[in-house]
């Protein structure tokens, strides 16, 4: 890969050559990063400026006598709700050539304003980029991108590092990593957590599964869209932590839905309930965000994390539980509620809509 941290390089004494297949594009990229366009609001520009300052501080922590980061081209596959803002942050802050690939045209047009270059195929992206991020909806999509007729495995070389930013099954992640390793390429799982706004602001939480050397090379780039970066262990460990994070979140939202409907039927003001819970030991991220911002106003937009995606993730948790022989009745309840929400026609809506299913339930 064409990126390494100066601190990692000073320990190993080895320097991997940087790949810059289009130096003229890189020069253009650096110019774009230094100006504001009319595409974004003043608020966004201020946040981008703050994040660039934070990134420079991270680099400077290596010390004045350390070598600079060696940066090759970056590829980004999947420019959806979370992928587009992450790709934008990389383009605004890295100074590297960033190539984007997505089936949809609109995000590529928007990202062109910050210098992202459109890749017309996975083959082109793999040829031009050394580091390739994937931000895809599910493990099935990751498998298709990696293992398809024109997939990344067909084009993988020793210079490549592939990073899965989505939530994927643990075993499938480890199997893919082994197949890339057979071609000399590195693979890391780095699933993200938090909201689209956090992706815009560059304040995501990322759970990384990779060997120590790969993690150290990736950390400076991940820091361009994340403030909390945790090395969870070897390949697959990031997925374990993210899957359990989502499992706990979904069970908490089920509990919030139950509390909300119980309070309503008991004649209590639901806003008073949630505001009071937030002052005590029941306070949580789920309460303040999913509860207060979605469940109280009964607002569940599309183009957010959908019920179908949430059920996919709770399914990964149940699969993981079976693989280690543990019974998870709380996760099974969350899976059932999400299934009922899908059957009720809410599959494309923001997943806390399961509160509507709970509201419609009656004791048998």
Protein backbone atom coordinates (compact mmCIF):
# COMPACT_ATOMS: atom_id res chain seq x y z
CA UNK A 1 0.00 0.00 0.00
CA UNK A 2 1.22 3.51 -0.67
CA UNK A 3 0.49 4.79 2.84
CA UNK A 4 2.43 4.27 5.96
CA UNK A 5 2.76 6.25 9.15
CA UNK A 6 6.09 7.85 9.87
CA UNK A 7 6.18 6.25 13.30
CA UNK A 8 5.62 2.80 11.81
CA UNK A 9 8.32 3.43 9.23
CA UNK A 10 10.84 4.53 11.82
CA UNK A 11 10.38 1.31 13.75
CA UNK A 12 10.72 -1.00 10.78
CA UNK A 13 13.30 0.97 8.85
CA UNK A 14 11.59 -0.12 5.62
CA UNK A 15 9.90 2.22 3.15
CA UNK A 16 7.32 1.01 0.69
CA UNK A 17 7.30 3.01 -2.53
CA UNK A 18 4.38 5.38 -2.99
CA UNK A 19 2.22 4.95 -6.05
CA UNK A 20 1.09 8.14 -7.74
CA UNK A 21 -0.11 7.12 -11.20
CA UNK A 22 -1.45 10.60 -12.01
CA UNK A 23 0.78 13.29 -10.49
CA UNK A 24 -1.14 15.99 -12.37
CA UNK A 25 -4.35 14.84 -10.68
CA UNK A 26 -2.68 14.96 -7.30
CA UNK A 27 -1.61 18.55 -7.87
CA UNK A 28 -5.19 19.40 -8.82
CA UNK A 29 -6.43 17.64 -5.71
CA UNK A 30 -4.23 19.73 -3.44
CA UNK A 31 -5.46 22.95 -5.06
CA UNK A 32 -9.10 21.91 -4.62
CA UNK A 33 -8.51 21.14 -0.95
CA UNK A 34 -7.29 24.67 -0.31
CA UNK A 35 -10.43 26.52 -1.46
CA UNK A 36 -14.12 26.58 -0.65
CA UNK A 37 -16.67 26.04 -3.39
CA UNK A 38 -20.28 27.18 -3.47
CA UNK A 39 -21.36 23.53 -3.28
CA UNK A 40 -21.32 23.57 0.51
CA UNK A 41 -22.65 25.85 3.23
CA UNK A 42 -20.47 28.04 5.42
CA UNK A 43 -21.19 25.64 8.28
CA UNK A 44 -19.83 22.71 6.28
CA UNK A 45 -16.76 24.73 5.28
CA UNK A 46 -16.05 25.55 8.91
CA UNK A 47 -16.32 21.90 9.90
CA UNK A 48 -14.08 20.83 7.02
CA UNK A 49 -11.50 23.44 8.04
CA UNK A 50 -11.57 22.21 11.64
CA UNK A 51 -11.13 18.63 10.50
CA UNK A 52 -8.18 19.55 8.27
CA UNK A 53 -6.55 21.20 11.28
CA UNK A 54 -7.17 18.06 13.35
CA UNK A 55 -5.60 15.93 10.61
CA UNK A 56 -2.51 18.14 10.49
CA UNK A 57 -2.18 17.79 14.27
CA UNK A 58 -2.29 13.99 13.95
CA UNK A 59 0.49 14.06 11.38
CA UNK A 60 2.57 16.47 13.47
CA UNK A 61 2.37 14.11 16.46
CA UNK A 62 4.90 11.91 14.65
CA UNK A 63 7.55 14.55 15.49
CA UNK A 64 9.63 16.98 13.44
CA UNK A 65 12.36 14.44 12.66
CA UNK A 66 10.05 11.82 11.21
CA UNK A 67 9.58 11.20 7.51
CA UNK A 68 6.43 12.41 5.76
CA UNK A 69 3.55 10.09 5.04
CA UNK A 70 4.00 8.33 1.69
CA UNK A 71 0.66 8.50 -0.10
CA UNK A 72 -0.48 6.68 -3.20
CA UNK A 73 -3.84 6.80 -4.91
CA UNK A 74 -6.94 5.87 -2.89
CA UNK A 75 -9.95 4.01 -4.25
CA UNK A 76 -13.42 4.24 -2.72
CA UNK A 77 -16.21 1.82 -3.64
CA UNK A 78 -19.75 2.58 -2.48
CA UNK A 79 -20.82 6.23 -2.31
CA UNK A 80 -24.11 5.93 -0.50
CA UNK A 81 -25.42 7.56 2.68
CA UNK A 82 -22.18 6.97 4.61
CA UNK A 83 -19.70 6.33 1.82
CA UNK A 84 -20.12 9.66 0.07
CA UNK A 85 -19.23 11.85 3.08
CA UNK A 86 -16.32 9.58 4.02
CA UNK A 87 -14.96 9.78 0.49
CA UNK A 88 -15.40 13.54 0.56
CA UNK A 89 -13.39 13.81 3.76
CA UNK A 90 -10.58 11.76 2.24
CA UNK A 91 -10.56 13.99 -0.83
CA UNK A 92 -10.56 17.19 1.20
CA UNK A 93 -7.81 16.18 3.61
CA UNK A 94 -5.48 13.55 2.16
CA UNK A 95 -3.84 15.39 -0.73
CA UNK A 96 -3.91 12.08 -2.60
CA UNK A 97 -5.66 11.17 -5.82
CA UNK A 98 -9.04 9.72 -4.79
CA UNK A 99 -10.98 7.55 -7.25
CA UNK A 100 -14.65 6.81 -6.65
CA UNK A 101 -16.77 3.94 -7.95
CA UNK A 102 -20.53 3.57 -7.63
CA UNK A 103 -23.43 2.47 -9.79
CA UNK A 104 -25.21 5.78 -9.10
CA UNK A 105 -24.10 8.85 -10.99
CA UNK A 106 -25.28 11.59 -8.59
CA UNK A 107 -22.71 11.09 -5.80
CA UNK A 108 -19.89 10.95 -8.33
CA UNK A 109 -21.04 14.28 -9.77
CA UNK A 110 -21.14 15.84 -6.30
CA UNK A 111 -17.74 14.44 -5.34
CA UNK A 112 -16.20 15.76 -8.55
CA UNK A 113 -16.46 19.22 -6.95
CA UNK A 114 -13.82 18.16 -4.41
CA UNK A 115 -11.58 16.45 -6.97
CA UNK A 116 -12.71 12.83 -6.76
CA UNK A 117 -11.96 11.06 -10.05
CA UNK A 118 -14.59 8.72 -11.46
CA UNK A 119 -13.40 5.13 -11.96
CA UNK A 120 -15.29 3.46 -14.78
CA UNK A 121 -14.65 -0.09 -13.57
CA UNK A 122 -13.25 -2.07 -10.66
CA UNK A 123 -10.34 -3.02 -12.91
CA UNK A 124 -9.47 0.63 -13.45
CA UNK A 125 -9.80 1.42 -9.78
CA UNK A 126 -7.53 -1.49 -8.80
CA UNK A 127 -4.99 -0.49 -11.43
CA UNK A 128 -4.80 3.11 -10.23
CA UNK A 129 -5.20 2.73 -6.45
CA UNK A 130 -3.15 0.94 -3.84
CA UNK A 131 -5.52 1.43 -0.92
CA UNK A 132 -9.16 0.56 -1.60
CA UNK A 133 -12.00 1.31 0.82
CA UNK A 134 -15.39 -0.38 0.46
CA UNK A 135 -18.51 1.14 2.06
CA UNK A 136 -21.20 -1.33 0.99
CA UNK A 137 -24.60 -2.29 2.41
CA UNK A 138 -23.88 -5.91 3.35
CA UNK A 139 -21.48 -8.82 3.25
CA UNK A 140 -23.19 -10.04 0.09
CA UNK A 141 -22.29 -6.80 -1.67
CA UNK A 142 -18.70 -7.07 -0.43
CA UNK A 143 -18.54 -10.62 -1.73
CA UNK A 144 -19.86 -9.54 -5.13
CA UNK A 145 -17.35 -6.68 -5.43
CA UNK A 146 -14.44 -8.88 -4.42
CA UNK A 147 -15.37 -12.18 -6.06
CA UNK A 148 -17.25 -11.15 -9.21
CA UNK A 149 -16.05 -11.68 -12.77
CA UNK A 150 -14.32 -8.28 -12.68
CA UNK A 151 -13.90 -8.28 -8.89
CA UNK A 152 -11.02 -7.07 -6.77
CA UNK A 153 -9.64 -10.56 -6.23
CA UNK A 154 -9.04 -10.87 -9.96
CA UNK A 155 -6.93 -7.69 -9.91
CA UNK A 156 -5.32 -7.91 -6.46
CA UNK A 157 -1.56 -7.54 -6.16
CA UNK A 158 0.94 -7.32 -3.32
CA UNK A 159 0.76 -3.51 -3.38
CA UNK A 160 -2.94 -3.49 -2.47
CA UNK A 161 -4.69 -3.08 0.86
CA UNK A 162 -8.46 -3.66 0.87
CA UNK A 163 -10.58 -2.23 3.69
CA UNK A 164 -14.22 -3.13 4.40
CA UNK A 165 -15.92 -0.22 6.19
CA UNK A 166 -19.31 -1.94 6.33
CA UNK A 167 -20.73 -4.61 8.61
CA UNK A 168 -20.07 -8.11 7.27
CA UNK A 169 -20.18 -11.67 8.66
CA UNK A 170 -17.09 -12.58 10.67
CA UNK A 171 -16.32 -15.87 8.97
CA UNK A 172 -16.81 -14.46 5.48
CA UNK A 173 -14.47 -11.59 6.36
CA UNK A 174 -11.72 -13.97 7.45
CA UNK A 175 -12.16 -16.12 4.37
CA UNK A 176 -11.87 -13.10 2.07
CA UNK A 177 -8.77 -11.92 3.91
CA UNK A 178 -7.13 -15.30 3.39
CA UNK A 179 -7.87 -15.19 -0.34
CA UNK A 180 -6.37 -11.72 -0.69
CA UNK A 181 -3.37 -12.81 1.37
CA UNK A 182 -2.78 -15.63 -1.10
CA UNK A 183 -2.24 -12.91 -3.73
CA UNK A 184 0.03 -10.92 -1.44
CA UNK A 185 -2.58 -8.25 -0.67
CA UNK A 186 -3.55 -7.05 2.80
CA UNK A 187 -7.14 -6.98 4.05
CA UNK A 188 -8.72 -5.22 7.02
CA UNK A 189 -12.22 -4.95 8.40
CA UNK A 190 -12.95 -1.46 9.73
CA UNK A 191 -16.71 -1.16 10.26
CA UNK A 192 -17.96 2.29 11.13
CA UNK A 193 -20.41 3.44 13.79
CA UNK A 194 -22.43 6.63 14.39
CA UNK A 195 -24.59 8.77 12.14
CA UNK A 196 -24.44 10.29 8.69
CA UNK A 197 -23.79 13.64 10.35
CA UNK A 198 -20.76 12.09 12.04
CA UNK A 199 -19.58 10.89 8.63
CA UNK A 200 -19.96 14.44 7.31
CA UNK A 201 -18.14 15.89 10.30
CA UNK A 202 -15.37 13.28 10.28
CA UNK A 203 -16.28 12.09 13.78
CA UNK A 204 -17.15 8.43 13.21
CA UNK A 205 -16.08 5.56 15.43
CA UNK A 206 -14.20 2.81 13.60
CA UNK A 207 -13.45 -0.70 14.88
CA UNK A 208 -10.48 -2.20 13.05
CA UNK A 209 -9.58 -5.84 12.59
CA UNK A 210 -6.09 -6.17 11.10
CA UNK A 211 -2.53 -7.09 11.95
CA UNK A 212 -0.62 -4.40 13.83
CA UNK A 213 1.42 -3.20 10.85
CA UNK A 214 -1.63 -2.81 8.61
CA UNK A 215 -3.50 -0.98 11.37
CA UNK A 216 -0.66 1.51 11.81
CA UNK A 217 -0.60 2.20 8.07
CA UNK A 218 -4.36 2.71 7.95
CA UNK A 219 -4.85 4.80 11.06
CA UNK A 220 -3.79 8.19 9.59
CA UNK A 221 -6.27 7.86 6.73
CA UNK A 222 -9.10 6.57 8.89
CA UNK A 223 -8.50 9.61 11.11
CA UNK A 224 -9.71 11.77 8.23
CA UNK A 225 -13.28 10.59 8.81
CA UNK A 226 -13.15 9.24 12.38
CA UNK A 227 -12.24 10.53 15.84
CA UNK A 228 -12.38 7.18 17.65
CA UNK A 229 -10.29 4.42 16.08
CA UNK A 230 -10.00 1.14 17.98
CA UNK A 231 -7.69 -1.73 17.04
CA UNK A 232 -9.85 -4.67 18.11
CA UNK A 233 -7.45 -7.45 17.09
CA UNK A 234 -6.75 -9.50 13.99
CA UNK A 235 -8.91 -9.70 10.87
CA UNK A 236 -12.56 -10.24 11.81
CA UNK A 237 -12.24 -8.73 15.29
CA UNK A 238 -13.57 -5.37 14.10
CA UNK A 239 -16.67 -7.11 12.75
CA UNK A 240 -17.22 -8.94 16.05
CA UNK A 241 -17.18 -5.66 17.98
CA UNK A 242 -19.38 -3.83 15.45
CA UNK A 243 -21.92 -6.66 15.29
CA UNK A 244 -22.19 -6.70 19.08
CA UNK A 245 -22.42 -2.89 19.13
CA UNK A 246 -25.40 -3.08 16.78
CA UNK A 247 -26.94 -5.92 18.76
CA UNK A 248 -26.85 -3.91 21.99
CA UNK A 249 -28.20 -0.82 20.20
CA UNK A 250 -31.11 -2.71 18.66
CA UNK A 251 -32.08 -4.37 21.91
CA UNK A 252 -31.97 -0.94 23.59
CA UNK A 253 -34.25 0.55 20.95
CA UNK A 254 -36.71 -2.32 21.44
CA UNK A 255 -36.72 -1.50 25.16
CA UNK A 256 -37.30 2.18 24.36
CA UNK A 257 -40.22 1.26 22.11
CA UNK A 258 -41.72 -0.84 24.88
CA UNK A 259 -41.28 1.93 27.45
CA UNK A 260 -42.74 4.51 25.07
CA UNK A 261 -45.92 2.57 24.37
CA UNK A 262 -46.36 1.50 28.00
CA UNK A 263 -46.12 5.15 29.09
CA UNK A 264 -48.69 6.25 26.50
CA UNK A 265 -51.19 3.59 27.59
CA UNK A 266 -50.60 4.54 31.22
CA UNK A 267 -51.55 8.13 30.41
CA UNK A 268 -48.04 9.60 30.70
CA UNK A 269 -46.58 12.25 28.45
CA UNK A 270 -43.99 10.36 26.35
CA UNK A 271 -41.77 13.44 25.99
CA UNK A 272 -41.67 13.79 29.76
CA UNK A 273 -40.77 10.11 30.04
CA UNK A 274 -37.79 10.26 27.67
CA UNK A 275 -36.53 13.56 29.05
CA UNK A 276 -36.65 12.11 32.56
CA UNK A 277 -34.94 8.88 31.51
CA UNK A 278 -32.15 11.00 30.02
CA UNK A 279 -31.47 12.41 33.50
CA UNK A 280 -30.94 9.01 35.08
CA UNK A 281 -29.24 5.67 34.64
CA UNK A 282 -31.41 4.82 31.60
CA UNK A 283 -29.73 7.58 29.59
CA UNK A 284 -28.03 6.42 26.38
CA UNK A 285 -27.06 7.39 22.85
CA UNK A 286 -30.04 5.35 21.66
CA UNK A 287 -32.42 7.32 23.89
CA UNK A 288 -31.11 10.73 22.81
CA UNK A 289 -30.91 9.96 19.11
CA UNK A 290 -33.19 7.08 18.10
CA UNK A 291 -35.68 7.74 20.89
CA UNK A 292 -35.97 11.51 20.99
CA UNK A 293 -35.27 12.32 17.35
CA UNK A 294 -37.22 9.52 15.66
CA UNK A 295 -39.53 7.63 18.00
CA UNK A 296 -41.05 10.61 19.85
CA UNK A 297 -41.99 12.54 16.67
CA UNK A 298 -42.80 9.24 14.90
CA UNK A 299 -40.48 10.24 12.04
CA UNK A 300 -38.67 7.50 10.13
CA UNK A 301 -37.23 8.76 6.86
CA UNK A 302 -35.98 6.75 3.94
CA UNK A 303 -32.31 7.16 2.96
CA UNK A 304 -31.41 6.40 6.57
CA UNK A 305 -30.32 3.04 8.02
CA UNK A 306 -33.31 0.94 7.06
CA UNK A 307 -35.22 -1.79 8.87
CA UNK A 308 -33.99 -4.34 6.33
CA UNK A 309 -30.37 -3.37 6.94
CA UNK A 310 -30.89 -3.50 10.70
CA UNK A 311 -32.34 -6.98 10.47
CA UNK A 312 -29.36 -8.04 8.39
CA UNK A 313 -27.07 -6.90 11.20
CA UNK A 314 -29.02 -8.59 13.98
CA UNK A 315 -28.90 -11.72 11.83
CA UNK A 316 -25.10 -11.47 11.83
CA UNK A 317 -25.22 -11.32 15.64
CA UNK A 318 -27.36 -14.45 15.81
CA UNK A 319 -25.04 -16.23 13.38
CA UNK A 320 -22.06 -15.25 15.53
CA UNK A 321 -23.87 -16.49 18.63
CA UNK A 322 -24.54 -19.86 17.03
CA UNK A 323 -20.88 -20.16 16.03
CA UNK A 324 -19.82 -19.80 19.69
CA UNK A 325 -22.81 -21.77 21.05
CA UNK A 326 -24.64 -19.14 23.08
CA UNK A 327 -28.36 -18.43 23.30
CA UNK A 328 -29.35 -14.75 22.83
CA UNK A 329 -33.07 -14.30 23.55
CA UNK A 330 -32.78 -10.50 23.61
CA UNK A 331 -31.29 -10.48 20.11
CA UNK A 332 -33.95 -12.93 18.97
CA UNK A 333 -36.66 -10.53 20.17
CA UNK A 334 -35.05 -7.64 18.29
CA UNK A 335 -34.89 -9.81 15.18
CA UNK A 336 -38.58 -10.66 15.55
CA UNK A 337 -39.62 -7.02 15.97
CA UNK A 338 -37.57 -5.97 12.94
CA UNK A 339 -39.13 -8.80 10.95
CA UNK A 340 -42.61 -7.67 11.97
CA UNK A 341 -41.76 -4.11 10.94
CA UNK A 342 -40.66 -5.33 7.51
CA UNK A 343 -43.84 -7.37 7.12
CA UNK A 344 -45.85 -4.26 8.03
CA UNK A 345 -44.34 -2.43 5.06
CA UNK A 346 -41.64 -0.50 6.91
CA UNK A 347 -38.62 -2.27 5.43
CA UNK A 348 -37.24 0.83 3.69
CA UNK A 349 -37.83 3.20 6.62
CA UNK A 350 -35.38 4.18 9.37
CA UNK A 351 -35.28 1.13 11.58
CA UNK A 352 -36.55 2.58 14.94
CA UNK A 353 -39.91 2.39 13.14
CA UNK A 354 -40.18 -0.93 14.97
CA UNK A 355 -41.80 1.25 17.65
CA UNK A 356 -44.93 1.29 15.47
CA UNK A 357 -45.07 -2.51 15.61
CA UNK A 358 -44.77 -2.43 19.38
CA UNK A 359 -47.49 0.24 19.53
CA UNK A 360 -49.84 -1.98 17.53
CA UNK A 361 -49.25 -5.04 19.71
CA UNK A 362 -51.71 -6.32 22.28
CA UNK A 363 -51.35 -8.90 25.02
CA UNK A 364 -52.60 -12.25 23.81
